Protein backbone atom coordinates (compact mmCIF):
# COMPACT_ATOMS: atom_id res chain seq x y z
CA MET A 1 -0.16 0.16 0.19
CA LYS A 2 1.00 3.74 -0.59
CA PRO A 3 0.85 6.29 2.13
CA GLY A 4 -2.93 7.61 2.33
CA GLU A 5 -4.46 4.41 0.99
CA ARG A 6 -7.46 3.08 2.60
CA ALA A 7 -8.24 -0.81 2.86
CA ARG A 8 -10.37 -3.23 4.79
CA VAL A 9 -8.70 -6.28 6.83
CA VAL A 10 -10.19 -9.54 5.28
CA GLY A 11 -8.16 -11.89 7.28
CA ILE A 12 -5.28 -12.51 9.45
CA ARG A 13 -2.63 -15.37 8.54
CA ALA A 14 -1.15 -16.21 11.95
CA GLY A 15 -1.64 -18.35 14.94
CA ARG A 16 -3.83 -17.75 17.76
CA GLY A 17 -1.46 -15.62 19.70
CA LEU A 18 -0.70 -13.19 17.19
CA VAL A 19 -4.45 -12.88 16.03
CA GLU A 20 -5.39 -12.09 19.67
CA ARG A 21 -2.72 -9.42 20.10
CA LEU A 22 -3.76 -7.82 16.87
CA SER A 23 -7.35 -8.04 17.81
CA ALA A 24 -6.55 -6.37 21.23
CA MET A 25 -4.95 -3.42 18.98
CA GLY A 26 -8.40 -3.41 17.27
CA ILE A 27 -7.04 -5.01 13.94
CA THR A 28 -10.01 -7.40 13.22
CA PRO A 29 -11.60 -8.65 9.91
CA GLY A 30 -13.73 -6.05 8.52
CA VAL A 31 -12.02 -2.99 9.97
CA MET A 32 -11.11 -0.22 7.65
CA ILE A 33 -7.43 1.12 8.16
CA ARG A 34 -5.38 3.67 6.43
CA PHE A 35 -1.55 3.32 5.59
CA VAL A 36 0.46 5.98 6.98
CA ARG A 37 3.99 4.94 6.59
CA GLY A 38 6.30 2.05 6.06
CA SER A 39 9.44 1.16 4.04
CA GLN A 40 11.10 -2.07 2.88
CA ARG A 41 12.42 -2.21 6.55
CA GLY A 42 11.33 -1.26 9.85
CA PRO A 43 7.74 -0.70 11.18
CA VAL A 44 4.62 0.12 9.67
CA ILE A 45 2.12 2.68 10.81
CA VAL A 46 -1.71 2.70 10.13
CA ASP A 47 -4.55 4.76 11.15
CA LEU A 48 -7.47 2.77 12.61
CA ARG A 49 -10.64 3.88 14.72
CA GLY A 50 -9.27 7.39 15.09
CA GLY A 51 -5.98 6.35 16.51
CA ARG A 52 -2.26 5.22 14.98
CA VAL A 53 -1.07 1.82 15.50
CA ILE A 54 2.84 0.83 14.94
CA LEU A 55 3.32 -2.56 13.88
CA GLY A 56 6.41 -4.63 13.22
CA ARG A 57 7.19 -5.65 9.71
CA GLY A 58 6.59 -9.27 10.37
CA MET A 59 3.17 -8.48 11.79
CA ALA A 60 2.13 -6.27 9.23
CA GLU A 61 3.01 -9.22 6.50
CA ARG A 62 0.32 -11.24 8.21
CA ILE A 63 -2.40 -9.18 7.78
CA GLU A 64 -4.52 -9.73 4.43
CA VAL A 65 -6.47 -6.41 3.09
CA GLU A 66 -8.71 -5.88 0.43
CA GLN A 67 -7.98 -2.50 -1.62
CA GLN A 68 -10.36 -1.32 -4.48
CA GLY A 69 -11.36 -4.93 -5.17
CA GLU A 70 -8.06 -6.32 -4.80
CA ARG A 71 -6.64 -8.70 -2.08
CA THR A 72 -3.22 -8.01 -0.97
CA ARG A 73 -1.23 -9.51 1.92
CA GLU A 74 0.42 -6.63 3.45
CA ALA A 75 -1.11 -3.71 5.60
């Protein structure tokens, strides 16, 4: 995703522990997120539900999002 783009979370490809951790942060299937910042390395920053969340690259890569009718693997 590019900065400013919005997407809907459609799934999380991870074990129960990471799914629960992301859920506690508010990242669940169906929620809309907006990509703020990220690069090839380092953390990813997203806006959701009025706040910002910083995710490690490995965590972000496990979140499946749907953007303008496409499904991609990374938030």
